[in-house]
Protein backbone atom coordinates (compact mmCIF):
# COMPACT_ATOMS: atom_id res chain seq x y z
CA MET A 1 16.27 -14.41 -8.75
CA SER A 2 16.07 -10.97 -8.53
CA GLN A 3 12.61 -9.18 -9.49
CA THR A 4 11.70 -5.83 -11.00
CA VAL A 5 8.82 -3.82 -8.58
CA VAL A 6 7.44 -0.64 -9.25
CA ILE A 7 6.77 1.20 -5.66
CA THR A 8 4.55 4.16 -6.01
CA GLY A 9 4.43 5.85 -2.41
CA GLY A 10 7.83 5.02 -2.88
CA THR A 11 8.88 7.45 -0.16
CA GLY A 12 6.28 6.75 2.47
CA GLY A 13 6.40 5.40 5.84
CA ILE A 14 5.22 1.63 4.34
CA GLY A 15 6.63 2.40 0.69
CA SER A 16 10.09 3.46 1.94
CA ALA A 17 9.95 0.13 4.04
CA LEU A 18 9.27 -2.10 1.47
CA ALA A 19 12.09 -0.60 -0.68
CA ARG A 20 14.93 -1.22 1.68
CA LEU A 21 13.20 -4.37 2.02
CA LEU A 22 13.47 -5.02 -1.71
CA ALA A 23 16.59 -3.51 -2.16
CA SER A 24 18.23 -5.77 0.57
CA ARG A 25 17.04 -9.08 -1.40
CA GLY A 26 19.09 -8.17 -4.67
CA ASP A 27 15.43 -7.08 -6.57
CA ASN A 28 15.12 -3.72 -9.13
CA LEU A 29 13.52 -0.98 -8.46
CA ALA A 30 11.29 2.12 -9.52
CA LEU A 31 10.08 4.22 -7.24
CA MET A 32 7.62 7.00 -7.46
CA ALA A 33 7.01 9.67 -5.07
CA ARG A 34 5.88 13.51 -5.29
CA ARG A 35 8.40 15.39 -3.48
CA PRO A 36 12.30 15.13 -5.70
CA GLU A 37 13.99 15.77 -2.47
CA PRO A 38 12.94 12.52 0.22
CA LEU A 39 13.20 10.05 -3.21
CA ALA A 40 16.67 11.27 -4.41
CA GLN A 41 18.06 10.61 -0.29
CA LEU A 42 16.24 7.53 -0.47
CA VAL A 43 17.37 6.18 -3.89
CA ALA A 44 20.97 7.49 -2.44
CA GLU A 45 20.64 5.24 0.67
CA LEU A 46 19.49 2.43 -2.00
CA GLY A 47 22.93 2.49 -3.40
CA GLY A 48 22.01 4.88 -6.04
CA GLU A 49 21.42 4.82 -9.73
CA GLU A 50 22.27 1.33 -10.82
CA ARG A 51 19.44 -0.27 -9.85
CA VAL A 52 16.71 2.48 -8.53
CA VAL A 53 14.83 3.97 -11.62
CA SER A 54 13.06 7.47 -10.10
CA ILE A 55 10.56 9.25 -10.78
CA ALA A 56 8.94 12.70 -9.30
CA GLY A 57 5.54 12.82 -10.20
CA ASP A 58 1.35 12.56 -9.40
CA VAL A 59 0.33 8.99 -9.15
CA THR A 60 -3.24 10.58 -10.40
CA ASN A 61 -1.68 11.25 -13.78
CA PRO A 62 -1.51 8.94 -16.36
CA GLU A 63 1.16 10.64 -17.74
CA ASP A 64 3.59 10.55 -15.01
CA LEU A 65 2.78 7.07 -14.69
CA GLY A 66 3.33 6.74 -17.99
CA ARG A 67 6.78 8.06 -17.73
CA LEU A 68 7.35 5.79 -14.92
CA VAL A 69 6.79 2.33 -16.44
CA GLN A 70 8.53 3.32 -19.71
CA GLU A 71 11.55 4.16 -18.01
CA THR A 72 11.38 0.72 -15.95
CA LYS A 73 11.18 -0.83 -19.21
CA THR A 74 14.08 0.86 -20.63
CA ARG A 75 16.44 0.12 -17.24
CA PHE A 76 15.14 -3.53 -16.65
CA GLY A 77 13.73 -4.74 -19.93
CA ARG A 78 10.29 -5.94 -17.28
CA ILE A 79 7.96 -5.36 -14.06
CA ASP A 80 7.68 -8.62 -12.46
CA GLY A 81 5.43 -6.02 -9.54
CA LEU A 82 3.65 -3.21 -8.52
CA ALA A 83 3.02 -2.39 -4.92
CA HIS A 84 0.58 0.51 -4.85
CA CYS A 85 1.74 2.19 -0.98
CA VAL A 86 -0.60 5.29 -1.54
CA GLY A 87 -3.43 6.43 0.66
CA SER A 88 -4.71 9.01 3.47
CA ILE A 89 -6.32 8.84 6.41
CA LEU A 90 -9.75 10.96 6.98
CA LEU A 91 -11.40 11.08 10.40
CA LYS A 92 -14.50 12.52 9.95
CA PRO A 93 -18.47 11.60 10.41
CA LEU A 94 -20.60 11.17 7.73
CA HIS A 95 -22.49 14.42 8.94
CA ALA A 96 -19.43 16.36 8.86
CA ALA A 97 -18.08 15.04 6.06
CA SER A 98 -18.02 17.39 2.43
CA LEU A 99 -18.76 16.06 -1.15
CA ASP A 100 -15.26 17.51 -1.53
CA ASP A 101 -13.84 15.38 0.95
CA LEU A 102 -15.47 12.09 -0.43
CA MET A 103 -14.39 13.15 -3.84
CA LYS A 104 -10.10 14.23 -2.47
CA THR A 105 -10.57 10.79 -0.99
CA LEU A 106 -11.79 8.72 -4.03
CA GLU A 107 -9.01 10.50 -5.95
CA ILE A 108 -6.10 9.82 -3.84
CA ASN A 109 -7.04 6.01 -2.66
CA LEU A 110 -8.87 4.72 -5.59
CA VAL A 111 -8.51 6.33 -8.71
CA SER A 112 -4.27 6.09 -8.18
CA ALA A 113 -4.99 2.48 -7.82
CA PHE A 114 -7.08 2.03 -10.60
CA LEU A 115 -4.69 4.42 -12.59
CA ALA A 116 -1.48 2.48 -11.28
CA CYS A 117 -3.22 -0.93 -12.17
CA LYS A 118 -3.68 0.27 -15.96
CA ALA A 119 0.01 1.81 -16.17
CA VAL A 120 1.42 -1.75 -15.78
CA ILE A 121 -1.31 -4.36 -16.97
CA PRO A 122 0.12 -4.12 -20.94
CA THR A 123 3.48 -4.59 -20.00
CA MET A 124 2.14 -7.70 -17.27
CA ARG A 125 0.09 -8.74 -20.25
CA GLU A 126 2.80 -9.38 -22.52
CA GLN A 127 4.22 -10.98 -19.91
CA ARG A 128 1.59 -13.41 -18.85
CA SER A 129 3.09 -13.15 -15.46
CA GLY A 130 3.47 -10.03 -12.76
CA SER A 131 1.89 -9.06 -9.55
CA VAL A 132 0.30 -6.01 -8.10
CA VAL A 133 -0.59 -5.93 -4.55
CA LEU A 134 -3.09 -2.09 -3.22
CA CYS A 135 -3.12 -1.07 0.24
CA SER A 136 -6.47 -1.34 2.16
CA THR A 137 -7.39 -0.88 5.53
CA VAL A 138 -8.88 -2.31 8.50
CA ALA A 139 -11.42 -0.16 8.76
CA VAL A 140 -13.11 -1.98 5.54
CA GLY A 141 -14.08 -5.26 7.23
CA GLN A 142 -13.98 -3.53 10.89
CA GLY A 143 -16.48 -1.09 11.29
CA LEU A 144 -14.39 1.71 13.29
CA ASN A 145 -16.04 4.98 14.45
CA ASN A 146 -15.01 8.30 12.22
CA HIS A 147 -14.27 6.16 9.33
CA GLU A 148 -16.74 6.12 6.63
CA ILE A 149 -15.39 8.14 3.98
CA ILE A 150 -11.66 5.98 3.79
CA ALA A 151 -13.48 2.45 4.85
CA ALA A 152 -15.53 3.60 1.25
CA ALA A 153 -12.77 4.43 -0.88
CA LYS A 154 -10.88 1.24 0.37
CA GLY A 155 -13.40 -0.91 -0.28
CA GLY A 156 -13.45 0.41 -3.83
CA VAL A 157 -9.70 -0.64 -3.60
CA GLU A 158 -10.27 -4.44 -2.43
CA GLY A 159 -13.30 -4.80 -5.05
CA LEU A 160 -10.99 -3.63 -7.91
CA VAL A 161 -8.72 -6.53 -6.68
CA ARG A 162 -10.88 -9.12 -6.25
CA SER A 163 -12.25 -8.67 -9.82
CA ALA A 164 -9.15 -8.12 -11.57
CA ALA A 165 -7.83 -11.30 -9.71
CA VAL A 166 -10.47 -13.16 -12.06
CA THR A 167 -9.75 -11.30 -15.50
CA TYR A 168 -5.89 -11.75 -15.61
CA ALA A 169 -5.35 -14.79 -13.67
CA ARG A 170 -5.16 -16.71 -16.52
CA LEU A 171 -2.67 -14.42 -17.89
CA GLY A 172 -0.61 -14.84 -14.95
CA ILE A 173 -1.32 -11.91 -13.00
CA ARG A 174 -1.91 -11.95 -9.20
CA PHE A 175 -3.88 -8.96 -7.42
CA ASN A 176 -3.95 -8.86 -3.87
CA ALA A 177 -4.02 -6.46 -0.99
CA VAL A 178 -2.66 -5.67 2.23
CA ALA A 179 -5.07 -4.43 4.81
CA PRO A 180 -3.00 -2.94 7.81
CA GLY A 181 -4.33 -1.40 10.80
CA LEU A 182 -3.28 1.55 12.32
CA THR A 183 0.48 2.22 11.83
CA ASP A 184 3.48 4.41 12.54
CA THR A 185 4.06 6.12 9.49
CA PRO A 186 3.97 10.03 8.76
CA LEU A 187 0.81 9.87 7.05
CA ALA A 188 -0.33 9.22 10.72
CA SER A 189 1.68 11.28 12.83
CA PHE A 190 -1.64 13.21 13.91
CA LEU A 191 -2.48 10.05 15.55
CA THR A 192 0.80 8.29 16.79
CA SER A 193 2.20 11.67 18.35
CA ASN A 194 -0.72 12.33 20.37
CA GLU A 195 -0.04 10.01 23.52
CA THR A 196 -3.33 9.26 24.65
CA MET A 197 -5.21 8.81 20.68
CA LYS A 198 -2.00 6.28 20.71
CA ALA A 199 -2.61 4.04 23.93
CA ALA A 200 -6.17 4.26 23.14
CA SER A 201 -5.31 2.67 19.68
CA GLU A 202 -2.87 0.28 21.24
CA ALA A 203 -5.81 -0.84 22.94
CA MET A 204 -7.93 -1.63 20.67
CA HIS A 205 -5.68 -4.06 18.76
CA PRO A 206 -5.98 -6.93 20.16
CA MET A 207 -1.76 -8.03 20.26
CA GLY A 208 -1.51 -4.33 22.16
CA ARG A 209 0.27 -2.54 20.07
CA ILE A 210 0.28 -0.49 16.68
CA GLY A 211 1.83 -1.47 13.56
CA ARG A 212 5.51 -0.83 11.86
CA PRO A 213 6.13 -0.26 8.50
CA GLU A 214 8.20 -3.35 8.24
CA ASP A 215 5.07 -5.20 8.49
CA VAL A 216 3.32 -4.39 6.61
CA ALA A 217 6.32 -3.89 4.08
CA ALA A 218 6.89 -7.95 5.04
CA ALA A 219 3.53 -8.95 3.74
CA LEU A 220 3.83 -6.60 0.43
CA ALA A 221 7.40 -8.45 -0.12
CA PHE A 222 5.66 -12.21 0.45
CA LEU A 223 2.47 -11.23 -1.70
CA LEU A 224 5.15 -9.70 -4.63
CA GLY A 225 7.38 -12.99 -4.39
CA GLU A 226 6.75 -16.37 -6.06
CA ASP A 227 6.42 -17.43 -2.47
CA SER A 228 2.50 -16.26 -3.36
CA SER A 229 2.18 -17.91 -6.56
CA TRP A 230 -1.00 -19.75 -5.94
CA ILE A 231 -2.73 -16.63 -3.65
CA THR A 232 -4.58 -13.76 -5.73
CA GLY A 233 -7.84 -12.05 -5.14
CA GLN A 234 -7.14 -12.23 -1.12
CA ILE A 235 -6.89 -9.25 1.16
CA LEU A 236 -4.53 -9.95 3.41
CA GLY A 237 -4.94 -8.30 7.28
CA VAL A 238 -1.87 -6.98 8.88
CA ASP A 239 -3.64 -5.54 12.00
CA GLY A 240 -2.47 -6.67 15.13
CA GLY A 241 -5.88 -8.92 15.15
CA LEU A 242 -8.19 -6.04 14.93
CA GLY A 243 -9.78 -7.34 11.95
CA ALA A 244 -10.81 -10.32 13.68
CA GLY A 245 -12.69 -8.03 16.61
CA LEU A 246 -12.11 -5.20 19.16
CA ALA A 247 -9.74 -6.11 22.10
CA PRO A 248 -11.48 -6.99 25.36
CA PRO A 249 -11.63 -3.95 28.03
CA LYS A 250 -9.02 -4.42 30.39
CA VAL A 251 -10.61 -5.70 33.62
CA ALA A 252 -9.22 -4.74 36.60
CA THR A 253 -7.96 -7.74 39.23
CA ARG A 254 -7.76 -7.39 43.04
CA GLY A 255 -4.12 -8.34 43.90
């Protein structure tokens, strides 16, 4: 049975991969992104406006999120899932980070997740069903160099997931998160476009490569769907094994 899923950050690397996957399964979509041009291009790629609601807006603006929810309910009558595919990457050691760095990172990652959840919760409470999936990072559970600020912000996201999962479980609303390792998206291009940095990251991940947007999208789709109906309050690592530990250094062997 098709679902209606809201995707915030819908034109990002992970959000757009998820939109393509869900559209291929016949789901109805409601997409929010900041820039109207890429959003319109993605909607056209997905088959037009018949099965896609799109809003160019700011995920930290409750009015924009409210408009997205209202248009989704008007078009499709319900909201079965929210995938909040919004984030940032700030790599600074604590001593070099400013209070402004912290506040901006918290706003983009934690405040936006809080507001997106608040926007869909009334509808899901009325339905007594729904699945919310947020995006964290492997850096919350695995200490990584220069990740203090983003790890702190995404750690808040994980705390939100666990508490909300308990609060809303009896209403049939599930909360989970994915925690990716480095993924080859436009957001991470400042890392992945540098061959030295990319190679270092690949070597750090036990599976020997960085993630693809489709890797994360598949996990998001699973947590949104009925196959995960007894899973809530969980943080699913999609990280090539990095959450389990850093890959051991390669040791040269004699031939």
